[in-house]
Amino acid sequence: MTVLTPAEITQSLKAVPDWHIENGELRRGFSFLDFREAMSFVNSVAAVAEQAGHHPYIDIRYNKVRLTLVSHDAGGITEKDFSLANRIGIIL
């Protein structure tokens, strides 16, 4: 996979409007009613990520979840990150 250019990233962000770039990584925060609901979401993300062979950083704080995507093996954000972001959006 090749790292996307800034212009390609800007264009790709249009398909995942709730995501943003922070420190060179694709990120999104989620809020849920409680910890149980947050964990259910995280488990669903884990299943999708495992299927895709691409795993996000997951930060869980009670009812808040933050996901971070970046393709370390490529050295930045790739289409793989946006593809997983799209698949995660379907979970909701």
C-alpha atoms as a PDB file:
ATOM      1  CA  MET A   1       0.000   0.000   0.000  1.00  0.00           C
ATOM      2  CA  THR A   2       1.146   3.493  -0.746  1.00  0.00           C
ATOM      3  CA  VAL A   3       0.695   6.434   1.577  1.00  0.00           C
ATOM      4  CA  LEU A   4      -2.026   8.816   0.432  1.00  0.00           C
ATOM      5  CA  THR A   5      -1.129  12.373  -0.502  1.00  0.00           C
ATOM      6  CA  PRO A   6      -2.664  15.255   1.477  1.00  0.00           C
ATOM      7  CA  ALA A   7      -5.061  15.895  -1.431  1.00  0.00           C
ATOM      8  CA  GLU A   8      -6.111  12.219  -1.506  1.00  0.00           C
ATOM      9  CA  ILE A   9      -6.661  12.270   2.259  1.00  0.00           C
ATOM     10  CA  THR A  10      -8.815  15.398   1.989  1.00  0.00           C
ATOM     11  CA  GLN A  11     -10.888  13.737  -0.729  1.00  0.00           C
ATOM     12  CA  SER A  12     -11.189  10.459   1.202  1.00  0.00           C
ATOM     13  CA  LEU A  13     -12.343  12.267   4.349  1.00  0.00           C
ATOM     14  CA  LYS A  14     -15.515  13.272   2.482  1.00  0.00           C
ATOM     15  CA  ALA A  15     -16.635   9.628   2.581  1.00  0.00           C
ATOM     16  CA  VAL A  16     -16.085   9.394   6.362  1.00  0.00           C
ATOM     17  CA  PRO A  17     -17.139  12.845   7.619  1.00  0.00           C
ATOM     18  CA  ASP A  18     -17.006  12.036  11.341  1.00  0.00           C
ATOM     19  CA  TRP A  19     -13.329  11.092  11.107  1.00  0.00           C
ATOM     20  CA  HIS A  20     -10.466  13.596  11.200  1.00  0.00           C
ATOM     21  CA  ILE A  21      -6.710  13.697  10.872  1.00  0.00           C
ATOM     22  CA  GLU A  22      -4.726  14.219  14.056  1.00  0.00           C
ATOM     23  CA  ASN A  23      -0.943  13.842  14.307  1.00  0.00           C
ATOM     24  CA  GLY A  24      -0.837  12.075  10.953  1.00  0.00           C
ATOM     25  CA  GLU A  25      -3.459   9.498  11.931  1.00  0.00           C
ATOM     26  CA  LEU A  26      -7.129   8.978  11.107  1.00  0.00           C
ATOM     27  CA  ARG A  27      -9.234   9.317  14.287  1.00  0.00           C
ATOM     28  CA  ARG A  28     -12.795   9.279  15.493  1.00  0.00           C
ATOM     29  CA  GLY A  29     -14.424   9.412  18.899  1.00  0.00           C
ATOM     30  CA  PHE A  30     -17.642   7.654  19.872  1.00  0.00           C
ATOM     31  CA  SER A  31     -19.921   8.053  22.906  1.00  0.00           C
ATOM     32  CA  PHE A  32     -22.289   5.422  24.239  1.00  0.00           C
ATOM     33  CA  LEU A  33     -24.828   5.174  27.033  1.00  0.00           C
ATOM     34  CA  ASP A  34     -22.585   3.081  29.263  1.00  0.00           C
ATOM     35  CA  PHE A  35     -19.514   0.847  29.431  1.00  0.00           C
ATOM     36  CA  ARG A  36     -21.396  -2.260  28.305  1.00  0.00           C
ATOM     37  CA  GLU A  37     -22.563  -0.545  25.108  1.00  0.00           C
ATOM     38  CA  ALA A  38     -19.062   0.799  24.466  1.00  0.00           C
ATOM     39  CA  MET A  39     -17.577  -2.684  24.851  1.00  0.00           C
ATOM     40  CA  SER A  40     -20.182  -4.200  22.545  1.00  0.00           C
ATOM     41  CA  PHE A  41     -19.134  -1.681  19.891  1.00  0.00           C
ATOM     42  CA  VAL A  42     -15.438  -2.411  20.491  1.00  0.00           C
ATOM     43  CA  ASN A  43     -16.066  -6.143  20.091  1.00  0.00           C
ATOM     44  CA  SER A  44     -17.836  -5.472  16.792  1.00  0.00           C
ATOM     45  CA  VAL A  45     -14.912  -3.318  15.640  1.00  0.00           C
ATOM     46  CA  ALA A  46     -12.513  -6.100  16.635  1.00  0.00           C
ATOM     47  CA  ALA A  47     -14.385  -8.607  14.465  1.00  0.00           C
ATOM     48  CA  VAL A  48     -14.366  -6.278  11.438  1.00  0.00           C
ATOM     49  CA  ALA A  49     -10.703  -5.382  11.979  1.00  0.00           C
ATOM     50  CA  GLU A  50      -9.679  -9.006  12.269  1.00  0.00           C
ATOM     51  CA  GLN A  51     -11.543  -9.828   9.070  1.00  0.00           C
ATOM     52  CA  ALA A  52      -9.802  -6.926   7.302  1.00  0.00           C
ATOM     53  CA  GLY A  53      -6.389  -7.827   8.737  1.00  0.00           C
ATOM     54  CA  HIS A  54      -5.988  -4.213   9.829  1.00  0.00           C
ATOM     55  CA  HIS A  55      -6.220  -3.244  13.488  1.00  0.00           C
ATOM     56  CA  PRO A  56      -6.955   0.165  14.999  1.00  0.00           C
ATOM     57  CA  TYR A  57      -5.645   1.570  18.225  1.00  0.00           C
ATOM     58  CA  ILE A  58      -8.586   1.481  20.619  1.00  0.00           C
ATOM     59  CA  ASP A  59      -8.874   3.729  23.667  1.00  0.00           C
ATOM     60  CA  ILE A  60     -11.823   2.965  25.970  1.00  0.00           C
ATOM     61  CA  ARG A  61     -12.808   5.271  28.817  1.00  0.00           C
ATOM     62  CA  TYR A  62     -16.052   4.095  30.385  1.00  0.00           C
ATOM     63  CA  ASN A  63     -18.631   5.074  27.717  1.00  0.00           C
ATOM     64  CA  LYS A  64     -16.212   6.770  25.317  1.00  0.00           C
ATOM     65  CA  VAL A  65     -14.197   5.024  22.620  1.00  0.00           C
ATOM     66  CA  ARG A  66     -11.544   6.577  20.421  1.00  0.00           C
ATOM     67  CA  LEU A  67     -10.292   4.725  17.350  1.00  0.00           C
ATOM     68  CA  THR A  68      -7.067   5.582  15.570  1.00  0.00           C
ATOM     69  CA  LEU A  69      -6.086   4.209  12.173  1.00  0.00           C
ATOM     70  CA  VAL A  70      -2.723   4.394  10.446  1.00  0.00           C
ATOM     71  CA  SER A  71      -0.800   1.945   8.263  1.00  0.00           C
ATOM     72  CA  HIS A  72       2.521   1.740  10.088  1.00  0.00           C
ATOM     73  CA  ASP A  73       3.985  -0.708   7.595  1.00  0.00           C
ATOM     74  CA  ALA A  74       3.415   1.884   4.827  1.00  0.00           C
ATOM     75  CA  GLY A  75       4.491   4.835   6.950  1.00  0.00           C
ATOM     76  CA  GLY A  76       1.214   6.778   7.009  1.00  0.00           C
ATOM     77  CA  ILE A  77      -2.440   6.825   6.067  1.00  0.00           C
ATOM     78  CA  THR A  78      -3.436   4.548   3.195  1.00  0.00           C
ATOM     79  CA  GLU A  79      -6.621   3.463   1.477  1.00  0.00           C
ATOM     80  CA  LYS A  80      -6.652   0.538   3.915  1.00  0.00           C
ATOM     81  CA  ASP A  81      -7.324   2.977   6.770  1.00  0.00           C
ATOM     82  CA  PHE A  82     -10.226   4.639   4.985  1.00  0.00           C
ATOM     83  CA  SER A  83     -11.653   1.266   3.983  1.00  0.00           C
ATOM     84  CA  LEU A  84     -11.701   0.143   7.621  1.00  0.00           C
ATOM     85  CA  ALA A  85     -13.181   3.495   8.717  1.00  0.00           C
ATOM     86  CA  ASN A  86     -16.016   2.925   6.239  1.00  0.00           C
ATOM     87  CA  ARG A  87     -16.621  -0.588   7.526  1.00  0.00           C
ATOM     88  CA  ILE A  88     -16.656   0.666  11.128  1.00  0.00           C
ATOM     89  CA  GLY A  89     -19.264   3.274  10.144  1.00  0.00           C
ATOM     90  CA  ILE A  90     -21.568   0.475   9.015  1.00  0.00           C
ATOM     91  CA  ILE A  91     -21.488  -1.048  12.514  1.00  0.00           C
ATOM     92  CA  LEU A  92     -23.275   1.966  13.937  1.00  0.00           C
END
